[in-house]
């Protein structure tokens, strides 16, 4: 419980900082995100009851996605790193179920995060008095961060309160 709370607090602070930075500058520092991914992966491996082969498959698939997203320049580098942390947090905060259910749940939360990012981008456009359209860059991190923070808080309340 102490490890989860400590990791959650560090993650929440990092996500808020990254979201603000992404809105301001459209870039984030990747090193803290990489460290969070490693710490959440350790938590997944040591403190959950997922089968180890499922976790290995999970990490390999996400590593391939990470490489593809960066090679094809679909997302910025920091966005792809945040996707790894996002996946870790979705899996940690999900009740143990089969791999297919977890993948569907992760995709649904990703959709919610991207919709939140679009909404934040529209608000940002109104504040900056800019028209938001398909060619504008929308900060992805704020929406994903919002979903991850809500998942961590919900899991804490559900599990330990």
Protein backbone atom coordinates (compact mmCIF):
# COMPACT_ATOMS: atom_id res chain seq x y z
CA UNK A 1 0.00 0.00 0.00
CA UNK A 2 2.83 2.42 0.85
CA UNK A 3 4.55 1.71 -2.47
CA UNK A 4 1.30 2.32 -4.37
CA UNK A 5 0.55 5.58 -2.55
CA UNK A 6 4.11 6.87 -2.97
CA UNK A 7 4.22 5.92 -6.64
CA UNK A 8 0.76 7.43 -7.20
CA UNK A 9 1.69 10.74 -5.58
CA UNK A 10 4.90 11.01 -7.62
CA UNK A 11 2.97 10.04 -10.75
CA UNK A 12 0.21 12.58 -10.14
CA UNK A 13 2.72 15.38 -9.59
CA UNK A 14 4.65 14.38 -12.73
CA UNK A 15 1.47 14.14 -14.80
CA UNK A 16 0.20 17.55 -13.73
CA UNK A 17 3.61 19.06 -14.47
CA UNK A 18 3.81 17.30 -17.85
CA UNK A 19 0.26 18.30 -18.80
CA UNK A 20 0.97 21.97 -18.05
CA UNK A 21 4.25 21.80 -19.93
CA UNK A 22 2.60 20.09 -22.92
CA UNK A 23 -0.08 22.78 -23.14
CA UNK A 24 2.51 25.56 -22.92
CA UNK A 25 5.33 24.22 -25.08
CA UNK A 26 3.98 21.07 -26.83
CA UNK A 27 6.82 19.04 -25.37
CA UNK A 28 7.59 17.22 -22.14
CA UNK A 29 10.65 15.85 -20.39
CA UNK A 30 10.82 12.14 -21.11
CA UNK A 31 13.19 11.02 -18.34
CA UNK A 32 10.63 11.25 -15.48
CA UNK A 33 8.07 9.46 -17.63
CA UNK A 34 10.53 6.64 -18.39
CA UNK A 35 11.29 6.28 -14.68
CA UNK A 36 7.56 6.14 -13.90
CA UNK A 37 7.11 3.42 -16.51
CA UNK A 38 9.88 1.38 -14.92
CA UNK A 39 8.44 1.83 -11.42
CA UNK A 40 4.89 0.95 -12.48
CA UNK A 41 6.27 -2.10 -14.32
CA UNK A 42 8.00 -3.21 -11.11
CA UNK A 43 4.71 -2.73 -9.27
CA UNK A 44 2.86 -4.78 -11.92
CA UNK A 45 5.41 -7.57 -11.69
CA UNK A 46 5.77 -7.69 -7.92
CA UNK A 47 2.42 -6.63 -6.48
CA UNK A 48 -0.24 -7.90 -8.86
CA UNK A 49 -1.37 -11.42 -9.56
CA UNK A 50 -1.16 -11.23 -13.34
CA UNK A 51 0.55 -14.25 -14.92
CA UNK A 52 4.16 -13.36 -15.71
CA UNK A 53 3.85 -14.45 -19.35
CA UNK A 54 0.86 -12.12 -19.77
CA UNK A 55 2.97 -9.25 -18.44
CA UNK A 56 5.87 -10.12 -20.75
CA UNK A 57 3.48 -10.19 -23.72
CA UNK A 58 1.96 -6.90 -22.54
CA UNK A 59 5.38 -5.21 -22.41
CA UNK A 60 6.50 -6.59 -25.78
CA UNK A 61 3.32 -5.44 -27.53
CA UNK A 62 3.59 -1.98 -25.98
CA UNK A 63 7.27 -1.74 -26.88
CA UNK A 64 6.40 -2.53 -30.51
CA UNK A 65 3.65 0.14 -30.41
CA UNK A 66 6.11 2.59 -28.89
CA UNK A 67 8.66 1.98 -31.65
CA UNK A 68 6.02 2.23 -34.39
CA UNK A 69 4.56 5.46 -33.00
CA UNK A 70 8.01 7.04 -32.83
CA UNK A 71 9.30 5.68 -36.17
CA UNK A 72 6.20 6.75 -38.07
CA UNK A 73 6.05 10.11 -36.24
CA UNK A 74 2.40 9.50 -35.36
CA UNK A 75 2.86 11.04 -31.92
CA UNK A 76 5.61 13.06 -30.36
CA UNK A 77 8.23 11.13 -28.42
CA UNK A 78 6.92 12.19 -25.05
CA UNK A 79 3.39 11.18 -25.98
CA UNK A 80 4.57 7.66 -26.80
CA UNK A 81 6.40 7.45 -23.48
CA UNK A 82 3.29 8.57 -21.64
CA UNK A 83 1.34 5.84 -23.45
CA UNK A 84 3.58 3.26 -21.74
CA UNK A 85 2.82 4.72 -18.31
CA UNK A 86 -0.84 4.97 -19.26
CA UNK A 87 -0.94 1.26 -20.10
CA UNK A 88 0.82 0.35 -16.84
CA UNK A 89 -1.64 2.37 -14.75
CA UNK A 90 -4.68 0.97 -16.57
CA UNK A 91 -3.44 -2.57 -15.89
CA UNK A 92 -2.55 -1.87 -12.24
CA UNK A 93 -5.93 -0.30 -11.52
CA UNK A 94 -7.97 -2.99 -13.32
CA UNK A 95 -9.34 -5.98 -11.54
CA UNK A 96 -7.51 -9.09 -12.64
CA UNK A 97 -9.24 -10.43 -15.71
CA UNK A 98 -8.21 -12.03 -18.95
CA UNK A 99 -5.84 -10.30 -21.36
CA UNK A 100 -8.51 -9.56 -23.96
CA UNK A 101 -10.67 -7.71 -21.43
CA UNK A 102 -7.66 -5.72 -20.27
CA UNK A 103 -6.76 -4.69 -23.83
CA UNK A 104 -10.34 -3.59 -24.53
CA UNK A 105 -10.41 -1.66 -21.25
CA UNK A 106 -7.10 0.02 -22.11
CA UNK A 107 -8.40 1.03 -25.55
CA UNK A 108 -11.60 2.45 -24.06
CA UNK A 109 -9.67 4.50 -21.51
CA UNK A 110 -7.35 5.69 -24.28
CA UNK A 111 -10.37 6.88 -26.26
CA UNK A 112 -11.67 8.74 -23.21
CA UNK A 113 -8.23 10.30 -22.70
CA UNK A 114 -8.02 11.44 -26.32
CA UNK A 115 -11.54 12.90 -26.18
CA UNK A 116 -10.51 14.80 -23.03
CA UNK A 117 -7.40 16.03 -24.87
CA UNK A 118 -9.54 17.30 -27.74
CA UNK A 119 -11.87 19.07 -25.30
CA UNK A 120 -8.87 20.64 -23.53
CA UNK A 121 -7.49 21.65 -26.94
CA UNK A 122 -10.78 23.35 -27.84
CA UNK A 123 -10.76 25.24 -24.53
CA UNK A 124 -7.12 26.17 -25.08
CA UNK A 125 -7.98 27.46 -28.57
CA UNK A 126 -10.75 29.67 -27.18
CA UNK A 127 -8.46 31.05 -24.47
CA UNK A 128 -5.69 31.78 -26.99
CA UNK A 129 -8.27 33.00 -29.52
CA UNK A 130 -7.09 30.51 -32.14
CA UNK A 131 -9.20 28.38 -34.38
CA UNK A 132 -8.74 24.70 -33.64
CA UNK A 133 -8.92 22.40 -36.65
CA UNK A 134 -7.43 19.16 -37.91
CA UNK A 135 -4.05 20.69 -38.70
CA UNK A 136 -3.55 22.22 -35.24
CA UNK A 137 -1.45 20.38 -32.73
CA UNK A 138 -3.48 19.27 -29.74
CA UNK A 139 -1.68 18.42 -26.53
CA UNK A 140 -2.31 14.72 -25.83
CA UNK A 141 -0.77 14.55 -22.36
CA UNK A 142 -3.44 16.55 -20.45
CA UNK A 143 -6.27 14.17 -21.37
CA UNK A 144 -4.24 11.04 -20.71
CA UNK A 145 -3.03 12.51 -17.41
CA UNK A 146 -6.57 13.29 -16.33
CA UNK A 147 -7.69 9.71 -16.99
CA UNK A 148 -4.64 8.25 -15.22
CA UNK A 149 -5.11 10.45 -12.15
CA UNK A 150 -8.79 9.49 -11.92
CA UNK A 151 -7.91 5.80 -12.29
CA UNK A 152 -5.30 5.95 -9.52
CA UNK A 153 -7.64 7.78 -7.14
CA UNK A 154 -10.56 5.45 -7.96
CA UNK A 155 -8.37 2.38 -7.39
CA UNK A 156 -7.13 3.71 -4.05
CA UNK A 157 -10.67 4.45 -2.85
CA UNK A 158 -12.02 1.15 -4.17
CA UNK A 159 -9.18 -1.00 -2.86
CA UNK A 160 -8.22 0.50 0.48
CA UNK A 161 -11.07 2.64 1.73
